[in-house]
Amino acid sequence: MTPRSTRLRPRGSNGSGWTRRRASWHAAREWDKCFEHLRRGDELVITRLSRPFRSVRHMTELAAQLDERGIDFFVLEKGIDTTRSAGRFLFHVIAAMDERTADLISEGTLEGLESARARGRSGAQPPALTELQVLEVREMYDELDVRGKRRYTLTQIAGTFGVSCKTSYRHLDRDEHRTG
């Protein structure tokens, strides 16, 4: 996979004086590929801190690896430039705040699910077919015509009950696993 933005920029073309190759990745799984392409003196520019990192620890480890390899690191959204001490400090503070925000969201989600369970709600959709309808689907599916072929297609069966073919197949598979 190629980076979203990899190019040489002439000095001063964007007012910053950057002259090195710039690469921008936004998926955590792409970091290994990104590191293969980066060399000493390159600049890694990302749009947001939350994109490529899984935790503060992951974020600081990767920032340290970049520093060891002599690769400058910039975050556009927050204006972070890790080539300066103030930028490195800001990077760590914002990383901790981003992780805390993610933790709060996760905790709130878990509390909401627990509260719903306490009220007797599972969060799942009700079944598309009743047990009786599942039996009827099985009977229609197994019914053969005079030539020995299935009398109804799965599309016809699904249409009869107002569900998708996938739902019908899913119930037929469950039924086979129970009896088989």
Foldseek 3Di string as FASTA:
>chain_A
DAFPAWDADCQCPPPPGDGATEGEDFAQVCVVVVVVPDAAPAEYEYAAPPRRDDALVRVVVVVVVCVVRNYWYAHNNVGATVVDPVSVVVSSVVRHVVRVVVVVVVVVVVVVCVVCVVVVHNPDDPQLDDPVLLVVLVVQQCDADPVRHRPDDLCRSCVVSVHDSVSNVVSVVVVVVVVD
